C-alpha cells in the first residue's frame, strides 16, 4: 500500500540535463567586478560553493530527527543556533527556528534525499522545500576573515560569542543572510541568489585592505 503523504507530494528534480550549461549566482559578478586571484599578500580568501543542495525542513523535532538519522546517519543540532555535520563534513544541518532547519548537501543529492526523507517521515506533519536554486554559499577564510565580518555585520563574531558550530540569521551590509562558523578557520555566508552580486561586491570592497583573493 502506497504512503498517502508521499503519493500526494509533488516533487520535482530542478536540476537541468547534464548537457545544458549552468552558471553559479556569482558568474556575472566575476565578469562585472573581477575576481582577484589569491596571492601571498591575501589575508582573506573568498570561495563560492555553488550548486549545493539546500533543503528547508519544518516539523516536530523528534520525528524529523529520527528521519534524518535514518537517512543521513546524523541528527538535528541539539541546541538553537547551532550546526550538526556528517562525519566527512560534506552535509550539514542548521537550526533556524523552533521548528525549522536548513539541510545542505552536495549538489545533485537533494532530489533523491527529499524522497528518502518523505518516505522515512511517513504520515507525520512536516514540510520539505527545495530552495537550492534560490541560494548560494560563500566561504571566507584567512587571518582577517573575522575583521572583514566585523565591518559587515552587527552580529558579535568574537570567538567567545560566536564559537565553532554556531550559525545565525544576520543583517549583513544592509541585506540579510545566514552566518555560520563550521571550523576554526572558516566562515560561511548562506545567502539568497538575488543578494549574491551585492554581497560579493561589498566583500571585495571591504576586503580590499586585506588583499582579498577569490578562488574559482
N, C-alpha and C. Protein backbone atom coordinates (compact mmCIF):
# COMPACT_ATOMS: atom_id res chain seq x y z
N UNK A 1 0.85 -1.20 0.00
CA UNK A 1 0.00 0.00 0.00
C UNK A 1 0.89 1.25 0.00
N UNK A 2 0.63 2.17 -0.90
CA UNK A 2 1.49 3.35 -1.01
C UNK A 2 1.23 4.31 0.13
N UNK A 3 2.27 5.05 0.48
CA UNK A 3 2.16 6.04 1.55
C UNK A 3 1.31 7.20 1.07
N UNK A 4 0.20 7.57 1.75
CA UNK A 4 -0.67 8.63 1.26
C UNK A 4 -0.01 9.98 1.20
N UNK A 5 0.94 10.26 2.13
CA UNK A 5 1.61 11.55 2.11
C UNK A 5 2.54 11.66 0.92
N UNK A 6 3.35 10.62 0.69
CA UNK A 6 4.28 10.63 -0.43
C UNK A 6 3.52 10.67 -1.75
N UNK A 7 2.40 9.95 -1.82
CA UNK A 7 1.63 9.90 -3.06
C UNK A 7 1.10 11.27 -3.44
N UNK A 8 0.78 12.11 -2.45
CA UNK A 8 0.22 13.43 -2.73
C UNK A 8 1.31 14.49 -2.93
N UNK A 9 2.51 14.22 -2.47
CA UNK A 9 3.59 15.21 -2.56
C UNK A 9 4.01 15.40 -4.01
N UNK A 10 4.11 16.63 -4.42
CA UNK A 10 4.56 16.95 -5.79
C UNK A 10 6.03 17.37 -5.71
N UNK A 11 6.92 16.48 -6.10
CA UNK A 11 8.35 16.77 -6.03
C UNK A 11 8.91 16.82 -7.44
N UNK A 12 9.87 17.71 -7.64
CA UNK A 12 10.45 17.91 -8.96
C UNK A 12 11.97 17.98 -8.85
N UNK A 13 12.65 17.28 -9.74
CA UNK A 13 14.10 17.41 -9.82
C UNK A 13 14.39 18.66 -10.62
N UNK A 14 14.84 19.71 -9.94
CA UNK A 14 15.01 21.01 -10.58
C UNK A 14 16.32 21.16 -11.33
N UNK A 15 17.17 20.14 -11.29
CA UNK A 15 18.46 20.26 -11.99
C UNK A 15 18.27 20.01 -13.48
N UNK A 16 19.01 20.78 -14.29
CA UNK A 16 18.92 20.65 -15.74
C UNK A 16 19.65 19.39 -16.21
N UNK A 17 19.41 19.04 -17.46
CA UNK A 17 20.16 17.93 -18.05
C UNK A 17 21.64 18.27 -18.10
N UNK A 18 22.48 17.24 -18.09
CA UNK A 18 23.93 17.44 -18.00
C UNK A 18 24.48 18.26 -19.15
N UNK A 19 23.85 18.20 -20.31
CA UNK A 19 24.40 18.91 -21.47
C UNK A 19 23.92 20.37 -21.55
N UNK A 20 23.17 20.82 -20.57
CA UNK A 20 22.72 22.20 -20.54
C UNK A 20 23.62 22.98 -19.58
N UNK A 21 24.34 23.99 -20.05
CA UNK A 21 25.27 24.71 -19.18
C UNK A 21 24.53 25.48 -18.09
N UNK A 22 25.09 25.49 -16.90
CA UNK A 22 24.53 26.25 -15.79
C UNK A 22 25.60 27.19 -15.26
N UNK A 23 25.15 28.27 -14.64
CA UNK A 23 26.08 29.25 -14.09
C UNK A 23 25.79 29.46 -12.61
N UNK A 24 26.83 29.71 -11.87
CA UNK A 24 26.67 29.99 -10.45
C UNK A 24 26.06 31.38 -10.27
N UNK A 25 25.49 31.68 -9.11
CA UNK A 25 24.96 33.01 -8.85
C UNK A 25 25.99 34.13 -8.99
N UNK A 26 27.28 33.79 -8.88
CA UNK A 26 28.32 34.82 -8.98
C UNK A 26 28.99 34.87 -10.35
N UNK A 27 28.51 34.10 -11.31
CA UNK A 27 29.16 34.07 -12.62
C UNK A 27 29.21 35.46 -13.25
N UNK A 28 28.11 36.18 -13.21
CA UNK A 28 28.08 37.54 -13.76
C UNK A 28 28.96 38.48 -12.96
N UNK A 29 28.98 38.28 -11.65
CA UNK A 29 29.77 39.15 -10.77
C UNK A 29 31.26 39.05 -11.09
N UNK A 30 31.74 37.84 -11.38
CA UNK A 30 33.15 37.68 -11.72
C UNK A 30 33.50 38.49 -12.96
N UNK A 31 32.60 38.53 -13.93
CA UNK A 31 32.85 39.28 -15.16
C UNK A 31 32.74 40.78 -14.93
N UNK A 32 31.75 41.17 -14.14
CA UNK A 32 31.49 42.59 -13.92
C UNK A 32 32.49 43.23 -12.97
N UNK A 33 32.78 42.55 -11.87
CA UNK A 33 33.59 43.15 -10.81
C UNK A 33 34.98 42.54 -10.68
N UNK A 34 35.26 41.49 -11.44
CA UNK A 34 36.56 40.85 -11.37
C UNK A 34 36.62 39.82 -10.25
N UNK A 35 37.66 39.03 -10.29
CA UNK A 35 37.88 38.00 -9.28
C UNK A 35 39.37 37.89 -9.05
N UNK A 36 39.94 38.76 -8.21
CA UNK A 36 41.39 38.76 -7.99
C UNK A 36 41.86 37.43 -7.41
N UNK A 37 42.86 36.86 -8.03
CA UNK A 37 43.38 35.57 -7.57
C UNK A 37 44.09 35.75 -6.22
N UNK A 38 43.98 34.78 -5.35
CA UNK A 38 44.70 34.85 -4.07
C UNK A 38 46.21 34.96 -4.31
N UNK A 39 46.87 35.72 -3.45
CA UNK A 39 48.32 35.89 -3.54
C UNK A 39 48.92 35.71 -2.16
N UNK A 40 50.23 35.82 -2.11
CA UNK A 40 50.92 35.70 -0.82
C UNK A 40 50.49 36.80 0.14
N UNK A 41 49.96 37.90 -0.38
CA UNK A 41 49.54 39.02 0.46
C UNK A 41 48.09 38.88 0.94
N UNK A 42 47.35 37.93 0.38
CA UNK A 42 45.93 37.80 0.72
C UNK A 42 45.76 37.30 2.15
N UNK A 43 45.06 38.09 2.94
CA UNK A 43 44.76 37.69 4.32
C UNK A 43 43.30 37.29 4.48
N UNK A 44 42.56 37.37 3.38
CA UNK A 44 41.19 36.83 3.29
C UNK A 44 41.04 36.18 1.93
N UNK A 45 40.46 35.01 1.92
CA UNK A 45 40.18 34.30 0.67
C UNK A 45 38.69 33.97 0.61
N UNK A 46 38.09 34.31 -0.51
CA UNK A 46 36.66 34.08 -0.74
C UNK A 46 36.50 32.94 -1.74
N UNK A 47 35.56 32.09 -1.46
CA UNK A 47 35.27 30.99 -2.37
C UNK A 47 33.78 30.71 -2.37
N UNK A 48 33.17 30.69 -3.55
CA UNK A 48 31.75 30.32 -3.64
C UNK A 48 31.63 28.81 -3.79
N UNK A 49 30.79 28.22 -2.98
CA UNK A 49 30.45 26.81 -3.13
C UNK A 49 29.06 26.76 -3.75
N UNK A 50 29.05 26.88 -5.05
CA UNK A 50 27.79 26.99 -5.78
C UNK A 50 27.17 25.63 -6.05
N UNK A 51 25.89 25.66 -6.38
CA UNK A 51 25.15 24.47 -6.84
C UNK A 51 25.05 23.37 -5.78
N UNK A 52 25.11 23.74 -4.51
CA UNK A 52 24.86 22.76 -3.47
C UNK A 52 23.36 22.51 -3.35
N UNK A 53 22.98 21.45 -2.65
CA UNK A 53 21.58 21.17 -2.40
C UNK A 53 21.15 21.79 -1.09
N UNK A 54 20.12 22.64 -1.12
CA UNK A 54 19.60 23.31 0.07
C UNK A 54 18.16 22.88 0.29
N UNK A 55 17.87 22.28 1.42
CA UNK A 55 16.50 21.87 1.75
C UNK A 55 16.09 22.50 3.08
N UNK A 56 14.90 23.09 3.12
CA UNK A 56 14.32 23.58 4.36
C UNK A 56 13.41 22.50 4.92
N UNK A 57 13.66 22.11 6.17
CA UNK A 57 12.85 21.11 6.85
C UNK A 57 12.03 21.79 7.94
N UNK A 58 10.73 21.49 7.99
CA UNK A 58 9.88 22.03 9.04
C UNK A 58 9.02 20.93 9.63
N UNK A 59 8.85 20.97 10.95
CA UNK A 59 8.04 19.96 11.61
C UNK A 59 8.52 19.75 13.03
N UNK A 60 8.02 18.70 13.65
CA UNK A 60 8.41 18.39 15.01
C UNK A 60 9.84 17.87 15.08
N UNK A 61 10.57 18.33 16.09
CA UNK A 61 11.99 17.99 16.18
C UNK A 61 12.21 16.49 16.33
N UNK A 62 11.35 15.80 17.08
CA UNK A 62 11.58 14.39 17.34
C UNK A 62 11.43 13.56 16.07
N UNK A 63 10.33 13.76 15.34
CA UNK A 63 10.11 12.95 14.13
C UNK A 63 11.13 13.30 13.04
N UNK A 64 11.48 14.59 12.92
CA UNK A 64 12.47 14.97 11.93
C UNK A 64 13.84 14.41 12.28
N UNK A 65 14.19 14.45 13.55
CA UNK A 65 15.48 13.92 13.98
C UNK A 65 15.58 12.43 13.66
N UNK A 66 14.53 11.69 13.93
CA UNK A 66 14.53 10.25 13.65
C UNK A 66 14.69 9.99 12.16
N UNK A 67 13.97 10.76 11.33
CA UNK A 67 14.06 10.56 9.89
C UNK A 67 15.43 10.92 9.35
N UNK A 68 15.98 12.04 9.80
CA UNK A 68 17.30 12.47 9.35
C UNK A 68 18.36 11.47 9.76
N UNK A 69 18.29 10.97 10.97
CA UNK A 69 19.26 9.96 11.41
C UNK A 69 19.17 8.69 10.57
N UNK A 70 17.95 8.28 10.25
CA UNK A 70 17.77 7.07 9.46
C UNK A 70 18.31 7.22 8.05
N UNK A 71 18.18 8.41 7.49
CA UNK A 71 18.60 8.63 6.09
C UNK A 71 20.06 9.06 5.99
N UNK A 72 20.49 9.96 6.88
CA UNK A 72 21.82 10.57 6.76
C UNK A 72 22.84 10.05 7.77
N UNK A 73 22.38 9.43 8.85
CA UNK A 73 23.32 8.91 9.83
C UNK A 73 23.74 9.89 10.89
N UNK A 74 23.17 11.09 10.90
CA UNK A 74 23.40 12.05 11.98
C UNK A 74 22.12 12.84 12.16
N UNK A 75 21.97 13.46 13.33
CA UNK A 75 20.70 14.07 13.65
C UNK A 75 20.69 15.58 13.61
N UNK A 76 19.56 16.15 14.02
CA UNK A 76 19.41 17.59 14.10
C UNK A 76 20.33 18.15 15.19
N UNK A 77 20.75 19.40 15.07
CA UNK A 77 21.55 20.00 16.14
C UNK A 77 20.75 20.04 17.43
N UNK A 78 21.44 19.84 18.54
CA UNK A 78 20.76 19.71 19.83
C UNK A 78 20.37 21.05 20.44
N UNK A 79 21.00 22.15 20.00
CA UNK A 79 20.73 23.46 20.61
C UNK A 79 20.40 24.49 19.54
N UNK A 80 19.64 25.52 19.90
CA UNK A 80 19.33 26.59 18.94
C UNK A 80 20.61 27.24 18.39
N UNK A 81 20.51 27.72 17.16
CA UNK A 81 21.61 28.47 16.52
C UNK A 81 22.91 27.68 16.47
N UNK A 82 22.81 26.39 16.21
CA UNK A 82 23.99 25.56 16.07
C UNK A 82 23.88 24.68 14.83
N UNK A 83 25.01 24.04 14.48
CA UNK A 83 25.09 23.16 13.31
C UNK A 83 25.40 21.75 13.75
N UNK A 84 24.97 20.78 12.97
CA UNK A 84 25.46 19.41 13.09
C UNK A 84 25.95 18.98 11.71
N UNK A 85 26.92 18.06 11.69
CA UNK A 85 27.56 17.67 10.43
C UNK A 85 27.66 16.15 10.32
N UNK A 86 27.74 15.69 9.07
CA UNK A 86 28.13 14.30 8.83
C UNK A 86 29.60 14.15 9.18
N UNK A 87 30.05 12.92 9.32
CA UNK A 87 31.44 12.68 9.73
C UNK A 87 32.43 13.28 8.74
N UNK A 88 32.11 13.25 7.45
CA UNK A 88 33.04 13.79 6.45
C UNK A 88 32.87 15.30 6.25
N UNK A 89 31.91 15.90 6.93
CA UNK A 89 31.70 17.34 6.83
C UNK A 89 31.01 17.81 5.57
N UNK A 90 30.60 16.89 4.70
CA UNK A 90 30.02 17.27 3.41
C UNK A 90 28.55 17.67 3.53
N UNK A 91 27.90 17.27 4.61
CA UNK A 91 26.48 17.56 4.81
C UNK A 91 26.29 18.22 6.16
N UNK A 92 25.40 19.20 6.23
CA UNK A 92 25.20 19.92 7.49
C UNK A 92 23.72 20.24 7.67
N UNK A 93 23.35 20.39 8.93
CA UNK A 93 22.00 20.83 9.28
C UNK A 93 22.13 21.97 10.28
N UNK A 94 21.39 23.04 10.05
CA UNK A 94 21.43 24.20 10.94
C UNK A 94 20.06 24.48 11.51
N UNK A 95 20.00 24.76 12.82
CA UNK A 95 18.78 25.20 13.48
C UNK A 95 18.49 26.63 13.06
N UNK A 96 17.30 26.89 12.49
CA UNK A 96 16.91 28.23 12.10
C UNK A 96 15.87 28.83 13.02
N UNK A 97 14.92 28.00 13.46
CA UNK A 97 13.86 28.43 14.38
C UNK A 97 13.34 27.19 15.09
N UNK A 98 12.42 27.34 16.06
CA UNK A 98 11.99 26.17 16.84
C UNK A 98 11.50 24.98 16.03
N UNK A 99 10.98 25.20 14.81
CA UNK A 99 10.52 24.07 14.01
C UNK A 99 11.06 24.11 12.58
N UNK A 100 12.25 24.71 12.41
CA UNK A 100 12.79 24.91 11.07
C UNK A 100 14.30 24.67 11.05
N UNK A 101 14.75 23.91 10.04
CA UNK A 101 16.16 23.58 9.90
C UNK A 101 16.57 23.70 8.44
N UNK A 102 17.84 24.04 8.21
CA UNK A 102 18.41 24.11 6.86
C UNK A 102 19.37 22.95 6.68
N UNK A 103 19.10 22.12 5.71
CA UNK A 103 19.96 20.98 5.38
C UNK A 103 20.69 21.30 4.08
N UNK A 104 22.03 21.23 4.12
CA UNK A 104 22.85 21.48 2.93
C UNK A 104 23.65 20.23 2.62
N UNK A 105 23.56 19.79 1.35
CA UNK A 105 24.21 18.55 0.92
C UNK A 105 24.93 18.81 -0.40
N UNK A 106 25.83 17.92 -0.82
CA UNK A 106 26.48 18.09 -2.12
C UNK A 106 25.45 18.20 -3.24
N UNK A 107 25.76 19.02 -4.22
CA UNK A 107 24.84 19.23 -5.33
C UNK A 107 24.51 17.94 -6.05
N UNK A 108 23.24 17.74 -6.36
CA UNK A 108 22.80 16.55 -7.06
C UNK A 108 22.16 15.53 -6.14
N UNK A 109 22.36 15.68 -4.83
CA UNK A 109 21.80 14.73 -3.87
C UNK A 109 20.40 15.12 -3.40
N UNK A 110 20.05 16.38 -3.56
CA UNK A 110 18.89 16.91 -2.86
C UNK A 110 17.56 16.28 -3.27
N UNK A 111 17.40 15.98 -4.56
CA UNK A 111 16.10 15.46 -5.01
C UNK A 111 15.86 14.05 -4.47
N UNK A 112 16.84 13.18 -4.63
CA UNK A 112 16.69 11.82 -4.11
C UNK A 112 16.58 11.84 -2.58
N UNK A 113 17.35 12.70 -1.94
CA UNK A 113 17.31 12.80 -0.49
C UNK A 113 15.93 13.25 0.00
N UNK A 114 15.33 14.19 -0.71
CA UNK A 114 13.99 14.63 -0.32
C UNK A 114 13.01 13.46 -0.34
N UNK A 115 13.08 12.62 -1.37
CA UNK A 115 12.21 11.46 -1.44
C UNK A 115 12.45 10.48 -0.30
N UNK A 116 13.71 10.26 0.04
CA UNK A 116 14.03 9.34 1.14
C UNK A 116 13.51 9.88 2.47
N UNK A 117 13.64 11.18 2.68
CA UNK A 117 13.14 11.77 3.92
C UNK A 117 11.61 11.69 3.99
N UNK A 118 10.95 11.93 2.88
CA UNK A 118 9.48 11.83 2.86
C UNK A 118 9.03 10.41 3.19
N UNK A 119 9.72 9.43 2.65
CA UNK A 119 9.37 8.04 2.95
C UNK A 119 9.61 7.72 4.41
N UNK A 120 10.72 8.24 4.96
CA UNK A 120 11.03 7.98 6.37
C UNK A 120 10.04 8.68 7.31
N UNK A 121 9.52 9.82 6.89
CA UNK A 121 8.61 10.59 7.73
C UNK A 121 7.18 10.06 7.68
N UNK A 122 6.84 9.33 6.63
CA UNK A 122 5.52 8.73 6.54
C UNK A 122 4.40 9.75 6.62
N UNK A 123 3.46 9.55 7.55
CA UNK A 123 2.31 10.44 7.66
C UNK A 123 2.48 11.48 8.76
N UNK A 124 3.71 11.74 9.16
CA UNK A 124 3.97 12.80 10.14
C UNK A 124 3.62 14.17 9.55
N UNK A 125 3.46 15.14 10.42
CA UNK A 125 3.15 16.51 9.99
C UNK A 125 4.48 17.23 9.75
N UNK A 126 4.79 17.56 8.51
CA UNK A 126 6.08 18.16 8.19
C UNK A 126 6.00 18.88 6.85
N UNK A 127 7.06 19.60 6.50
CA UNK A 127 7.21 20.22 5.19
C UNK A 127 8.68 20.17 4.80
N UNK A 128 8.94 19.88 3.53
CA UNK A 128 10.29 19.92 2.97
C UNK A 128 10.24 20.77 1.71
N UNK A 129 11.08 21.78 1.64
CA UNK A 129 11.11 22.67 0.49
C UNK A 129 12.52 22.73 -0.07
N UNK A 130 12.66 22.46 -1.35
CA UNK A 130 13.95 22.54 -2.03
C UNK A 130 14.20 23.98 -2.45
N UNK A 131 15.15 24.67 -1.81
CA UNK A 131 15.45 26.06 -2.13
C UNK A 131 16.82 26.20 -2.80
N UNK A 132 17.30 25.11 -3.36
CA UNK A 132 18.67 25.09 -3.90
C UNK A 132 18.89 26.17 -4.96
N UNK A 133 17.90 26.39 -5.83
CA UNK A 133 18.07 27.36 -6.90
C UNK A 133 18.05 28.79 -6.44
N UNK A 134 17.60 29.03 -5.22
CA UNK A 134 17.47 30.40 -4.74
C UNK A 134 18.54 30.83 -3.77
N UNK A 135 19.51 29.95 -3.49
CA UNK A 135 20.54 30.28 -2.51
C UNK A 135 21.92 29.87 -3.02
N UNK A 136 22.92 30.46 -2.41
CA UNK A 136 24.29 30.03 -2.64
C UNK A 136 25.07 30.17 -1.34
N UNK A 137 26.28 29.64 -1.33
CA UNK A 137 27.10 29.66 -0.12
C UNK A 137 28.47 30.22 -0.46
N UNK A 138 28.91 31.19 0.33
CA UNK A 138 30.23 31.80 0.17
C UNK A 138 31.07 31.50 1.40
N UNK A 139 32.26 31.00 1.18
CA UNK A 139 33.21 30.74 2.28
C UNK A 139 34.20 31.90 2.39
N UNK A 140 34.53 32.24 3.62
CA UNK A 140 35.60 33.19 3.90
C UNK A 140 36.61 32.53 4.82
N UNK A 141 37.88 32.63 4.46
CA UNK A 141 38.94 32.09 5.30
C UNK A 141 40.11 33.07 5.30
N UNK A 142 41.05 32.82 6.18
CA UNK A 142 42.20 33.71 6.28
C UNK A 142 42.22 34.44 7.60
N UNK A 143 43.39 34.98 7.94
CA UNK A 143 43.60 35.58 9.26
C UNK A 143 42.75 36.82 9.50
N UNK A 144 42.28 37.48 8.44
CA UNK A 144 41.48 38.70 8.61
C UNK A 144 40.01 38.49 8.26
N UNK A 145 39.57 37.25 8.15
CA UNK A 145 38.17 36.99 7.80
C UNK A 145 37.24 37.56 8.86
N UNK A 146 37.59 37.41 10.13
CA UNK A 146 36.72 37.93 11.20
C UNK A 146 36.67 39.45 11.17
N UNK A 147 37.81 40.09 10.88
CA UNK A 147 37.81 41.54 10.80
C UNK A 147 36.93 42.02 9.65
N UNK A 148 36.93 41.29 8.55
CA UNK A 148 36.06 41.64 7.43
C UNK A 148 34.59 41.53 7.84
N UNK A 149 34.26 40.49 8.58
CA UNK A 149 32.89 40.34 9.06
C UNK A 149 32.51 41.46 10.03
N UNK A 150 33.44 41.89 10.84
CA UNK A 150 33.17 42.96 11.81
C UNK A 150 32.79 44.26 11.10
N UNK A 151 33.28 44.45 9.88
CA UNK A 151 32.93 45.63 9.11
C UNK A 151 31.59 45.48 8.40
N UNK A 152 31.04 44.27 8.41
CA UNK A 152 29.90 43.97 7.55
C UNK A 152 28.61 43.64 8.29
N UNK A 153 28.71 43.22 9.55
CA UNK A 153 27.52 42.79 10.28
C UNK A 153 27.57 43.27 11.73
N UNK A 154 26.42 43.61 12.32
CA UNK A 154 26.40 43.96 13.74
C UNK A 154 26.46 42.74 14.65
N UNK A 155 26.37 41.54 14.10
CA UNK A 155 26.47 40.34 14.93
C UNK A 155 27.85 40.26 15.58
N UNK A 156 27.89 39.81 16.80
CA UNK A 156 29.14 39.69 17.55
C UNK A 156 29.87 38.43 17.07
N UNK A 157 30.99 38.62 16.37
CA UNK A 157 31.73 37.48 15.83
C UNK A 157 32.99 37.18 16.63
N UNK A 158 33.08 37.73 17.83
CA UNK A 158 34.19 37.37 18.71
C UNK A 158 34.10 35.88 19.01
N UNK A 159 35.23 35.17 19.08
CA UNK A 159 35.19 33.73 19.33
C UNK A 159 34.40 33.32 20.56
N UNK A 160 34.39 34.16 21.60
CA UNK A 160 33.64 33.80 22.79
C UNK A 160 32.13 33.87 22.56
N UNK A 161 31.71 34.77 21.66
CA UNK A 161 30.28 34.92 21.37
C UNK A 161 29.85 34.09 20.17
N UNK A 162 30.81 33.75 19.32
CA UNK A 162 30.49 33.02 18.09
C UNK A 162 31.47 31.85 17.94
N UNK A 163 31.28 30.80 18.74
CA UNK A 163 32.21 29.66 18.69
C UNK A 163 31.99 28.81 17.45
N UNK A 164 32.89 27.90 17.21
CA UNK A 164 32.75 26.94 16.12
C UNK A 164 31.46 26.15 16.32
N UNK A 165 30.71 25.98 15.24
CA UNK A 165 29.46 25.24 15.30
C UNK A 165 28.24 26.12 15.45
N UNK A 166 28.43 27.44 15.53
CA UNK A 166 27.30 28.36 15.65
C UNK A 166 26.85 28.83 14.27
N UNK A 167 25.56 29.13 14.15
CA UNK A 167 25.02 29.69 12.92
C UNK A 167 23.80 30.53 13.25
N UNK A 168 23.70 31.73 12.67
CA UNK A 168 22.59 32.63 12.99
C UNK A 168 22.12 33.33 11.72
N UNK A 169 20.88 33.78 11.74
CA UNK A 169 20.40 34.69 10.71
C UNK A 169 20.87 36.09 11.09
N UNK A 170 21.51 36.78 10.14
CA UNK A 170 22.17 38.04 10.48
C UNK A 170 21.90 39.11 9.43
N UNK A 171 21.94 40.36 9.89
CA UNK A 171 21.99 41.50 8.97
C UNK A 171 23.41 41.59 8.44
N UNK A 172 23.54 41.80 7.15
CA UNK A 172 24.87 41.85 6.54
C UNK A 172 24.84 42.89 5.42
N UNK A 173 25.56 43.99 5.65
CA UNK A 173 25.68 45.02 4.61
C UNK A 173 24.31 45.44 4.09
N UNK A 174 23.37 45.69 4.99
CA UNK A 174 22.01 46.13 4.66
C UNK A 174 21.18 45.07 3.95
N UNK A 175 21.68 43.85 3.90
CA UNK A 175 20.89 42.72 3.42
C UNK A 175 20.75 41.75 4.58
N UNK A 176 20.28 40.56 4.31
CA UNK A 176 20.26 39.56 5.38
C UNK A 176 20.69 38.22 4.81
N UNK A 177 21.30 37.42 5.67
CA UNK A 177 21.80 36.12 5.27
C UNK A 177 21.98 35.24 6.50
N UNK A 178 22.47 34.04 6.29
CA UNK A 178 22.79 33.13 7.39
C UNK A 178 24.30 33.10 7.54
N UNK A 179 24.77 33.42 8.73
CA UNK A 179 26.20 33.45 9.03
C UNK A 179 26.54 32.22 9.86
N UNK A 180 27.55 31.46 9.44
CA UNK A 180 27.91 30.21 10.11
C UNK A 180 29.42 30.14 10.30
N UNK A 181 29.81 29.39 11.34
CA UNK A 181 31.24 29.16 11.57
C UNK A 181 31.45 27.66 11.76
N UNK A 182 31.68 26.94 10.67
CA UNK A 182 31.81 25.48 10.77
C UNK A 182 33.14 25.00 11.33
N UNK A 183 34.21 25.78 11.16
CA UNK A 183 35.51 25.39 11.68
C UNK A 183 36.22 26.62 12.26
N UNK A 184 37.35 26.40 12.88
CA UNK A 184 38.13 27.49 13.46
C UNK A 184 38.57 28.50 12.41
N UNK A 185 38.83 28.04 11.21
CA UNK A 185 39.44 28.90 10.19
C UNK A 185 38.50 29.31 9.07
N UNK A 186 37.24 28.86 9.13
CA UNK A 186 36.35 29.12 8.01
C UNK A 186 35.00 29.65 8.48
N UNK A 187 34.51 30.65 7.77
CA UNK A 187 33.17 31.19 7.97
C UNK A 187 32.36 30.93 6.70
N UNK A 188 31.05 30.83 6.85
CA UNK A 188 30.18 30.61 5.70
C UNK A 188 29.04 31.62 5.70
N UNK A 189 28.72 32.13 4.52
CA UNK A 189 27.58 33.01 4.30
C UNK A 189 26.61 32.28 3.39
N UNK A 190 25.42 31.99 3.88
CA UNK A 190 24.38 31.37 3.06
C UNK A 190 23.40 32.48 2.71
N UNK A 191 23.31 32.82 1.43
CA UNK A 191 22.54 33.99 1.05
C UNK A 191 21.65 33.72 -0.16
N UNK A 192 20.67 34.57 -0.31
CA UNK A 192 19.77 34.48 -1.44
C UNK A 192 20.51 34.79 -2.73
N UNK A 193 20.08 34.14 -3.78
CA UNK A 193 20.70 34.39 -5.08
C UNK A 193 20.58 35.86 -5.48
N UNK A 194 19.47 36.49 -5.13
CA UNK A 194 19.25 37.89 -5.52
C UNK A 194 20.19 38.85 -4.80
N UNK A 195 20.77 38.42 -3.67
CA UNK A 195 21.72 39.27 -2.94
C UNK A 195 23.17 38.95 -3.29
N UNK A 196 23.39 37.93 -4.11
CA UNK A 196 24.75 37.42 -4.31
C UNK A 196 25.69 38.47 -4.89
N UNK A 197 25.27 39.16 -5.95
CA UNK A 197 26.15 40.14 -6.58
C UNK A 197 26.45 41.29 -5.63
N UNK A 198 25.42 41.79 -4.95
CA UNK A 198 25.61 42.89 -4.00
C UNK A 198 26.59 42.51 -2.89
N UNK A 199 26.39 41.34 -2.30
CA UNK A 199 27.28 40.93 -1.20
C UNK A 199 28.69 40.67 -1.70
N UNK A 200 28.81 40.13 -2.91
CA UNK A 200 30.14 39.88 -3.46
C UNK A 200 30.88 41.19 -3.65
N UNK A 201 30.23 42.19 -4.21
CA UNK A 201 30.89 43.48 -4.43
C UNK A 201 31.22 44.14 -3.09
N UNK A 202 30.34 43.98 -2.10
CA UNK A 202 30.63 44.52 -0.76
C UNK A 202 31.89 43.86 -0.20
N UNK A 203 31.97 42.54 -0.32
CA UNK A 203 33.12 41.82 0.24
C UNK A 203 34.42 42.20 -0.45
N UNK A 204 34.38 42.39 -1.77
CA UNK A 204 35.58 42.83 -2.48
C UNK A 204 36.04 44.20 -1.97
N UNK A 205 35.09 45.11 -1.79
CA UNK A 205 35.44 46.45 -1.34
C UNK A 205 35.93 46.43 0.11
N UNK A 206 35.18 45.76 0.99
CA UNK A 206 35.56 45.71 2.40
C UNK A 206 36.84 44.92 2.62
N UNK A 207 37.12 43.97 1.72
CA UNK A 207 38.32 43.15 1.86
C UNK A 207 39.52 43.66 1.11
N UNK A 208 39.38 44.82 0.47
CA UNK A 208 40.48 45.35 -0.33
C UNK A 208 41.73 45.58 0.50
N UNK A 209 41.56 46.07 1.73
CA UNK A 209 42.73 46.37 2.56
C UNK A 209 43.43 45.08 3.00
N UNK A 210 42.77 43.95 2.87
CA UNK A 210 43.36 42.67 3.23
C UNK A 210 43.82 41.88 2.00
N UNK A 211 43.86 42.56 0.85
CA UNK A 211 44.26 41.94 -0.41
C UNK A 211 43.44 40.66 -0.66
N UNK A 212 42.12 40.80 -0.52
CA UNK A 212 41.23 39.65 -0.66
C UNK A 212 41.42 38.94 -2.01
N UNK A 213 41.46 37.63 -1.96
CA UNK A 213 41.58 36.83 -3.17
C UNK A 213 40.35 35.96 -3.35
N UNK A 214 40.08 35.58 -4.59
CA UNK A 214 38.89 34.79 -4.91
C UNK A 214 39.32 33.49 -5.55
N UNK A 215 38.96 32.38 -4.93
CA UNK A 215 39.22 31.06 -5.51
C UNK A 215 38.04 30.67 -6.40
N UNK A 216 38.34 30.22 -7.61
CA UNK A 216 37.28 29.84 -8.55
C UNK A 216 37.49 28.43 -9.04
